[in-house]
Amino acid sequence: WNVPYDFNDSDFMISRKLLALYLTKANEDNNDFLPWGSLKYLIGDAMYGGRVSDEMDRRVLSTYLEEFMGDFLFDDCQKFYFSRSGYDYKVPSNGPIENYLNEITNLPPISMPEVVGLHSNAEIRYYEDISVVICGDL
């Protein structure tokens, strides 16, 4: 398991646009309900899941969606952190655009693998793989 898949920027961009569309529509309709099940299906099964062939990788993909998509993201009583590895990655407080701009400005320039739930050795593997590619291009 843990097969390298051919995901690309268009997968991410379409998923981001889908999420933005759903969030915008809910905001315009003054609706607190977001159809997270539909979003998880569209992003997890339609956009990315169609390329995932290994059952264990499908479980990882489903787990990421369960961990990072839901109403708990906007819970004022219990703040959700995507990660606290070196920086508190969180959804900015609701309010003026400055809140969001400040949060973006303060993001660290380089994220650790732990931020997306990977072991720190994932970074080592990445650098090994990229070194092979670079040396092969020489």
C-alpha atoms as a PDB file:
ATOM      1  CA  TRP A   1       0.000   0.000   0.000  1.00  0.00           C
ATOM      2  CA  ASN A   2       0.999   3.640  -0.140  1.00  0.00           C
ATOM      3  CA  VAL A   3       1.267   3.549  -3.912  1.00  0.00           C
ATOM      4  CA  PRO A   4       2.371   6.796  -5.609  1.00  0.00           C
ATOM      5  CA  TYR A   5      -0.639   8.127  -7.523  1.00  0.00           C
ATOM      6  CA  ASP A   6      -0.802  10.548 -10.402  1.00  0.00           C
ATOM      7  CA  PHE A   7      -2.657  13.366  -8.644  1.00  0.00           C
ATOM      8  CA  ASN A   8      -2.199  16.776 -10.208  1.00  0.00           C
ATOM      9  CA  ASP A   9      -2.962  20.436  -9.664  1.00  0.00           C
ATOM     10  CA  SER A  10      -6.265  20.248 -11.527  1.00  0.00           C
ATOM     11  CA  ASP A  11      -7.564  17.693  -8.967  1.00  0.00           C
ATOM     12  CA  PHE A  12      -6.739  20.121  -6.187  1.00  0.00           C
ATOM     13  CA  MET A  13      -8.104  23.176  -8.003  1.00  0.00           C
ATOM     14  CA  ILE A  14     -11.441  21.527  -8.804  1.00  0.00           C
ATOM     15  CA  SER A  15     -11.763  20.238  -5.230  1.00  0.00           C
ATOM     16  CA  ARG A  16     -10.977  23.706  -3.894  1.00  0.00           C
ATOM     17  CA  LYS A  17     -13.561  25.271  -6.227  1.00  0.00           C
ATOM     18  CA  LEU A  18     -16.169  22.717  -5.155  1.00  0.00           C
ATOM     19  CA  LEU A  19     -15.555  23.526  -1.498  1.00  0.00           C
ATOM     20  CA  ALA A  20     -15.667  27.276  -2.232  1.00  0.00           C
ATOM     21  CA  LEU A  21     -18.941  26.835  -4.145  1.00  0.00           C
ATOM     22  CA  TYR A  22     -20.581  24.960  -1.265  1.00  0.00           C
ATOM     23  CA  LEU A  23     -19.303  27.434   1.350  1.00  0.00           C
ATOM     24  CA  THR A  24     -20.368  30.457  -0.723  1.00  0.00           C
ATOM     25  CA  LYS A  25     -23.832  29.021  -1.361  1.00  0.00           C
ATOM     26  CA  ALA A  26     -24.344  28.248   2.333  1.00  0.00           C
ATOM     27  CA  ASN A  27     -23.222  31.786   3.242  1.00  0.00           C
ATOM     28  CA  GLU A  28     -25.455  33.453   0.630  1.00  0.00           C
ATOM     29  CA  ASP A  29     -28.458  31.371   1.742  1.00  0.00           C
ATOM     30  CA  ASN A  30     -27.630  32.116   5.400  1.00  0.00           C
ATOM     31  CA  ASN A  31     -27.622  28.369   5.953  1.00  0.00           C
ATOM     32  CA  ASP A  32     -25.592  26.750   8.741  1.00  0.00           C
ATOM     33  CA  PHE A  33     -25.909  23.319   7.131  1.00  0.00           C
ATOM     34  CA  LEU A  34     -23.130  22.151   4.842  1.00  0.00           C
ATOM     35  CA  PRO A  35     -23.571  18.818   3.034  1.00  0.00           C
ATOM     36  CA  TRP A  36     -20.268  17.356   4.224  1.00  0.00           C
ATOM     37  CA  GLY A  37     -21.256  13.871   3.057  1.00  0.00           C
ATOM     38  CA  SER A  38     -21.688  15.114  -0.507  1.00  0.00           C
ATOM     39  CA  LEU A  39     -18.435  17.054  -0.408  1.00  0.00           C
ATOM     40  CA  LYS A  40     -16.522  14.066   0.965  1.00  0.00           C
ATOM     41  CA  TYR A  41     -17.980  11.880  -1.777  1.00  0.00           C
ATOM     42  CA  LEU A  42     -17.252  14.344  -4.585  1.00  0.00           C
ATOM     43  CA  ILE A  43     -13.712  15.075  -3.434  1.00  0.00           C
ATOM     44  CA  GLY A  44     -12.789  11.698  -1.969  1.00  0.00           C
ATOM     45  CA  ASP A  45     -14.456   9.331  -4.405  1.00  0.00           C
ATOM     46  CA  ALA A  46     -14.975  11.297  -7.607  1.00  0.00           C
ATOM     47  CA  MET A  47     -11.926  13.564  -7.713  1.00  0.00           C
ATOM     48  CA  TYR A  48      -9.201  11.580  -5.945  1.00  0.00           C
ATOM     49  CA  GLY A  49     -10.711   8.185  -5.184  1.00  0.00           C
ATOM     50  CA  GLY A  50     -11.038   7.199  -8.828  1.00  0.00           C
ATOM     51  CA  ARG A  51      -7.253   6.954  -9.044  1.00  0.00           C
ATOM     52  CA  VAL A  52      -6.711   5.178  -5.740  1.00  0.00           C
ATOM     53  CA  SER A  53      -6.478   1.462  -6.457  1.00  0.00           C
ATOM     54  CA  ASP A  54      -5.245   0.060  -3.139  1.00  0.00           C
ATOM     55  CA  GLU A  55      -7.827  -0.593  -0.403  1.00  0.00           C
ATOM     56  CA  MET A  56      -5.491   0.579   2.374  1.00  0.00           C
ATOM     57  CA  ASP A  57      -4.863   3.829   0.495  1.00  0.00           C
ATOM     58  CA  ARG A  58      -8.635   4.290   0.193  1.00  0.00           C
ATOM     59  CA  ARG A  59      -8.846   3.965   3.974  1.00  0.00           C
ATOM     60  CA  VAL A  60      -6.166   6.639   4.387  1.00  0.00           C
ATOM     61  CA  LEU A  61      -8.010   8.954   1.979  1.00  0.00           C
ATOM     62  CA  SER A  62     -11.302   8.411   3.842  1.00  0.00           C
ATOM     63  CA  THR A  63      -9.591   9.028   7.173  1.00  0.00           C
ATOM     64  CA  TYR A  64      -8.125  12.334   5.969  1.00  0.00           C
ATOM     65  CA  LEU A  65     -11.577  13.471   4.838  1.00  0.00           C
ATOM     66  CA  GLU A  66     -13.159  12.479   8.164  1.00  0.00           C
ATOM     67  CA  GLU A  67     -10.392  14.221  10.122  1.00  0.00           C
ATOM     68  CA  PHE A  68     -10.359  17.478   8.158  1.00  0.00           C
ATOM     69  CA  MET A  69     -13.908  18.031   6.837  1.00  0.00           C
ATOM     70  CA  GLY A  70     -16.910  18.681   9.057  1.00  0.00           C
ATOM     71  CA  ASP A  71     -18.839  21.198  11.117  1.00  0.00           C
ATOM     72  CA  PHE A  72     -16.231  20.841  13.878  1.00  0.00           C
ATOM     73  CA  LEU A  73     -13.982  23.143  11.820  1.00  0.00           C
ATOM     74  CA  PHE A  74     -16.184  26.102  12.744  1.00  0.00           C
ATOM     75  CA  ASP A  75     -16.947  25.206  16.377  1.00  0.00           C
ATOM     76  CA  ASP A  76     -16.435  28.298  18.539  1.00  0.00           C
ATOM     77  CA  CYS A  77     -16.524  26.304  21.787  1.00  0.00           C
ATOM     78  CA  GLN A  78     -13.700  23.941  20.925  1.00  0.00           C
ATOM     79  CA  LYS A  79     -11.094  25.279  18.487  1.00  0.00           C
ATOM     80  CA  PHE A  80     -10.000  22.777  15.837  1.00  0.00           C
ATOM     81  CA  TYR A  81      -6.336  22.660  14.900  1.00  0.00           C
ATOM     82  CA  PHE A  82      -5.298  20.956  11.668  1.00  0.00           C
ATOM     83  CA  SER A  83      -1.910  20.545  13.292  1.00  0.00           C
ATOM     84  CA  ARG A  84       0.086  21.979  16.154  1.00  0.00           C
ATOM     85  CA  SER A  85       3.438  20.832  14.801  1.00  0.00           C
ATOM     86  CA  GLY A  86       5.618  23.916  15.084  1.00  0.00           C
ATOM     87  CA  TYR A  87       2.664  26.217  14.381  1.00  0.00           C
ATOM     88  CA  ASP A  88      -1.042  26.240  15.253  1.00  0.00           C
ATOM     89  CA  TYR A  89      -2.714  25.529  11.900  1.00  0.00           C
ATOM     90  CA  LYS A  90      -6.357  26.536  12.371  1.00  0.00           C
ATOM     91  CA  VAL A  91      -9.336  28.106  10.648  1.00  0.00           C
ATOM     92  CA  PRO A  92      -9.097  31.882  11.219  1.00  0.00           C
ATOM     93  CA  SER A  93     -11.662  33.553  13.450  1.00  0.00           C
ATOM     94  CA  ASN A  94     -14.776  34.743  11.686  1.00  0.00           C
ATOM     95  CA  GLY A  95     -14.706  38.461  11.027  1.00  0.00           C
ATOM     96  CA  PRO A  96     -13.129  41.013   8.741  1.00  0.00           C
ATOM     97  CA  ILE A  97     -10.817  40.003   5.926  1.00  0.00           C
ATOM     98  CA  GLU A  98      -7.838  41.179   7.999  1.00  0.00           C
ATOM     99  CA  ASN A  99      -8.293  38.113  10.241  1.00  0.00           C
ATOM    100  CA  TYR A 100      -7.748  35.853   7.254  1.00  0.00           C
ATOM    101  CA  LEU A 101      -4.927  37.899   5.783  1.00  0.00           C
ATOM    102  CA  ASN A 102      -3.089  37.929   9.123  1.00  0.00           C
ATOM    103  CA  GLU A 103      -3.449  34.168   9.440  1.00  0.00           C
ATOM    104  CA  ILE A 104      -2.102  33.628   5.914  1.00  0.00           C
ATOM    105  CA  THR A 105       0.765  36.065   6.446  1.00  0.00           C
ATOM    106  CA  ASN A 106       1.800  34.294   9.635  1.00  0.00           C
ATOM    107  CA  LEU A 107       1.913  30.817   8.095  1.00  0.00           C
ATOM    108  CA  PRO A 108       5.410  29.311   8.136  1.00  0.00           C
ATOM    109  CA  PRO A 109       7.123  29.207   4.718  1.00  0.00           C
ATOM    110  CA  ILE A 110       7.835  25.466   5.029  1.00  0.00           C
ATOM    111  CA  SER A 111       5.453  22.935   6.552  1.00  0.00           C
ATOM    112  CA  MET A 112       6.596  19.831   8.378  1.00  0.00           C
ATOM    113  CA  PRO A 113       5.255  16.409   7.235  1.00  0.00           C
ATOM    114  CA  GLU A 114       3.386  16.101  10.538  1.00  0.00           C
ATOM    115  CA  VAL A 115       1.100  18.940   9.411  1.00  0.00           C
ATOM    116  CA  VAL A 116      -0.648  16.548   7.011  1.00  0.00           C
ATOM    117  CA  GLY A 117      -0.425  13.552   9.319  1.00  0.00           C
ATOM    118  CA  LEU A 118       2.758  12.037   7.914  1.00  0.00           C
ATOM    119  CA  HIS A 119       5.696  10.700   9.868  1.00  0.00           C
ATOM    120  CA  SER A 120       8.781  12.924   9.899  1.00  0.00           C
ATOM    121  CA  ASN A 121      10.589  10.262   7.830  1.00  0.00           C
ATOM    122  CA  ALA A 122       8.272  11.122   4.917  1.00  0.00           C
ATOM    123  CA  GLU A 123      10.394  14.207   4.342  1.00  0.00           C
ATOM    124  CA  ILE A 124      13.535  12.083   4.178  1.00  0.00           C
ATOM    125  CA  ARG A 125      11.882   9.814   1.609  1.00  0.00           C
ATOM    126  CA  TYR A 126      10.782  12.831  -0.415  1.00  0.00           C
ATOM    127  CA  TYR A 127      14.334  14.208  -0.521  1.00  0.00           C
ATOM    128  CA  GLU A 128      15.706  10.794  -1.483  1.00  0.00           C
ATOM    129  CA  ASP A 129      13.227  10.493  -4.337  1.00  0.00           C
ATOM    130  CA  ILE A 130      13.823  14.024  -5.609  1.00  0.00           C
ATOM    131  CA  SER A 131      17.596  13.458  -5.477  1.00  0.00           C
ATOM    132  CA  VAL A 132      17.208  10.422  -7.739  1.00  0.00           C
ATOM    133  CA  VAL A 133      15.137  12.478 -10.179  1.00  0.00           C
ATOM    134  CA  ILE A 134      17.639  15.366 -10.194  1.00  0.00           C
ATOM    135  CA  CYS A 135      20.637  13.051 -10.661  1.00  0.00           C
ATOM    136  CA  GLY A 136      18.804  11.210 -13.424  1.00  0.00           C
ATOM    137  CA  ASP A 137      18.272  14.506 -15.270  1.00  0.00           C
ATOM    138  CA  LEU A 138      21.970  15.439 -15.213  1.00  0.00           C
END
